Amino acid sequence: MEDELLGSGSKKNGFSQFCTRVSQWYQGLVDRTVPWQKCRWFAAVLLLLGFMARILYAQVLLHHYLWDLRSTLMLLMWKYQCWKK
């Protein structure tokens, strides 16, 4: 029974065969995922563009918020000057 599991009589040779089988399984897994690996560069560029777009959008929102804040402060100052007279 043990010889069947290990593939041969010696444990060292059995362990070597086990490692070979694991290596072959992993290589098959990598071979099946090659199309995804070819797209990694494209996916990384898309991710980078997404982050840049989000940062730009946040800057635009901040700019509009600051512009509105400036306009509000200018209006308040103008009203204060009118009340002061």
C-alpha atoms as a PDB file:
ATOM      1  CA  MET A   1       0.000   0.000   0.000  1.00  0.00           C
ATOM      2  CA  GLU A   2       2.788   2.405   0.955  1.00  0.00           C
ATOM      3  CA  ASP A   3       4.685   1.516  -2.216  1.00  0.00           C
ATOM      4  CA  GLU A   4       1.616   2.371  -4.287  1.00  0.00           C
ATOM      5  CA  LEU A   5       1.235   5.784  -2.593  1.00  0.00           C
ATOM      6  CA  LEU A   6       4.881   6.686  -2.932  1.00  0.00           C
ATOM      7  CA  GLY A   7       5.275   5.220  -6.379  1.00  0.00           C
ATOM      8  CA  SER A   8       8.363   3.147  -5.544  1.00  0.00           C
ATOM      9  CA  GLY A   9      10.065   1.247  -2.744  1.00  0.00           C
ATOM     10  CA  SER A  10      12.250   4.035  -1.360  1.00  0.00           C
ATOM     11  CA  LYS A  11      10.804   7.035   0.452  1.00  0.00           C
ATOM     12  CA  LYS A  12      13.346   9.408  -1.063  1.00  0.00           C
ATOM     13  CA  ASN A  13      12.423   8.435  -4.610  1.00  0.00           C
ATOM     14  CA  GLY A  14       8.729   8.659  -3.693  1.00  0.00           C
ATOM     15  CA  PHE A  15       9.176  12.161  -2.319  1.00  0.00           C
ATOM     16  CA  SER A  16      11.019  13.134  -5.492  1.00  0.00           C
ATOM     17  CA  GLN A  17       8.155  11.815  -7.611  1.00  0.00           C
ATOM     18  CA  PHE A  18       5.674  13.650  -5.412  1.00  0.00           C
ATOM     19  CA  CYS A  19       7.611  16.894  -5.932  1.00  0.00           C
ATOM     20  CA  THR A  20       7.687  16.234  -9.674  1.00  0.00           C
ATOM     21  CA  ARG A  21       3.922  15.714  -9.736  1.00  0.00           C
ATOM     22  CA  VAL A  22       3.336  18.919  -7.762  1.00  0.00           C
ATOM     23  CA  SER A  23       5.668  20.786 -10.104  1.00  0.00           C
ATOM     24  CA  GLN A  24       3.845  19.428 -13.153  1.00  0.00           C
ATOM     25  CA  TRP A  25       0.458  20.336 -11.633  1.00  0.00           C
ATOM     26  CA  TYR A  26       1.695  23.863 -10.918  1.00  0.00           C
ATOM     27  CA  GLN A  27       3.132  24.210 -14.432  1.00  0.00           C
ATOM     28  CA  GLY A  28      -0.212  23.087 -15.863  1.00  0.00           C
ATOM     29  CA  LEU A  29      -1.957  25.661 -13.716  1.00  0.00           C
ATOM     30  CA  VAL A  30       0.405  28.378 -14.966  1.00  0.00           C
ATOM     31  CA  ASP A  31      -0.095  27.242 -18.573  1.00  0.00           C
ATOM     32  CA  ARG A  32      -3.860  27.519 -18.170  1.00  0.00           C
ATOM     33  CA  THR A  33      -3.569  31.054 -16.794  1.00  0.00           C
ATOM     34  CA  VAL A  34      -1.149  32.356 -19.456  1.00  0.00           C
ATOM     35  CA  PRO A  35      -3.850  34.451 -21.198  1.00  0.00           C
ATOM     36  CA  TRP A  36      -4.413  36.276 -17.900  1.00  0.00           C
ATOM     37  CA  GLN A  37      -0.677  36.824 -17.493  1.00  0.00           C
ATOM     38  CA  LYS A  38      -0.509  38.400 -20.934  1.00  0.00           C
ATOM     39  CA  CYS A  39      -3.170  40.885 -19.853  1.00  0.00           C
ATOM     40  CA  ARG A  40      -1.424  41.827 -16.598  1.00  0.00           C
ATOM     41  CA  TRP A  41       0.306  44.840 -18.154  1.00  0.00           C
ATOM     42  CA  PHE A  42      -2.956  46.072 -19.669  1.00  0.00           C
ATOM     43  CA  ALA A  43      -4.789  45.564 -16.359  1.00  0.00           C
ATOM     44  CA  ALA A  44      -2.060  47.456 -14.489  1.00  0.00           C
ATOM     45  CA  VAL A  45      -2.355  50.388 -16.913  1.00  0.00           C
ATOM     46  CA  LEU A  46      -6.139  50.425 -16.521  1.00  0.00           C
ATOM     47  CA  LEU A  47      -5.783  50.378 -12.751  1.00  0.00           C
ATOM     48  CA  LEU A  48      -3.287  53.241 -12.872  1.00  0.00           C
ATOM     49  CA  LEU A  49      -5.588  55.257 -15.140  1.00  0.00           C
ATOM     50  CA  GLY A  50      -8.466  54.591 -12.752  1.00  0.00           C
ATOM     51  CA  PHE A  51      -6.480  55.912  -9.799  1.00  0.00           C
ATOM     52  CA  MET A  52      -5.402  58.972 -11.800  1.00  0.00           C
ATOM     53  CA  ALA A  53      -9.000  59.667 -12.812  1.00  0.00           C
ATOM     54  CA  ARG A  54     -10.126  59.384  -9.207  1.00  0.00           C
ATOM     55  CA  ILE A  55      -7.411  61.787  -8.038  1.00  0.00           C
ATOM     56  CA  LEU A  56      -8.276  64.245 -10.818  1.00  0.00           C
ATOM     57  CA  TYR A  57     -11.975  64.010  -9.941  1.00  0.00           C
ATOM     58  CA  ALA A  58     -11.154  64.702  -6.278  1.00  0.00           C
ATOM     59  CA  GLN A  59      -9.072  67.734  -7.299  1.00  0.00           C
ATOM     60  CA  VAL A  60     -11.909  69.066  -9.461  1.00  0.00           C
ATOM     61  CA  LEU A  61     -14.366  68.649  -6.600  1.00  0.00           C
ATOM     62  CA  LEU A  62     -11.939  70.332  -4.202  1.00  0.00           C
ATOM     63  CA  HIS A  63     -11.438  73.198  -6.656  1.00  0.00           C
ATOM     64  CA  HIS A  64     -15.199  73.732  -6.978  1.00  0.00           C
ATOM     65  CA  TYR A  65     -15.646  73.484  -3.228  1.00  0.00           C
ATOM     66  CA  LEU A  66     -12.890  76.049  -2.620  1.00  0.00           C
ATOM     67  CA  TRP A  67     -14.312  78.311  -5.330  1.00  0.00           C
ATOM     68  CA  ASP A  68     -17.755  78.122  -3.694  1.00  0.00           C
ATOM     69  CA  LEU A  69     -16.187  78.800  -0.313  1.00  0.00           C
ATOM     70  CA  ARG A  70     -14.325  81.818  -1.720  1.00  0.00           C
ATOM     71  CA  SER A  71     -17.506  83.110  -3.347  1.00  0.00           C
ATOM     72  CA  THR A  72     -19.410  82.684  -0.097  1.00  0.00           C
ATOM     73  CA  LEU A  73     -16.719  84.509   1.880  1.00  0.00           C
ATOM     74  CA  MET A  74     -16.638  87.344  -0.661  1.00  0.00           C
ATOM     75  CA  LEU A  75     -20.432  87.647  -0.453  1.00  0.00           C
ATOM     76  CA  LEU A  76     -20.314  87.689   3.351  1.00  0.00           C
ATOM     77  CA  MET A  77     -17.587  90.328   3.323  1.00  0.00           C
ATOM     78  CA  TRP A  78     -19.575  92.438   0.874  1.00  0.00           C
ATOM     79  CA  LYS A  79     -22.703  92.156   3.038  1.00  0.00           C
ATOM     80  CA  TYR A  80     -20.661  93.014   6.124  1.00  0.00           C
ATOM     81  CA  GLN A  81     -19.333  96.127   4.397  1.00  0.00           C
ATOM     82  CA  CYS A  82     -22.863  97.119   3.382  1.00  0.00           C
ATOM     83  CA  TRP A  83     -24.098  96.658   6.937  1.00  0.00           C
ATOM     84  CA  LYS A  84     -21.131  98.567   8.290  1.00  0.00           C
ATOM     85  CA  LYS A  85     -21.997 101.666   6.255  1.00  0.00           C
END
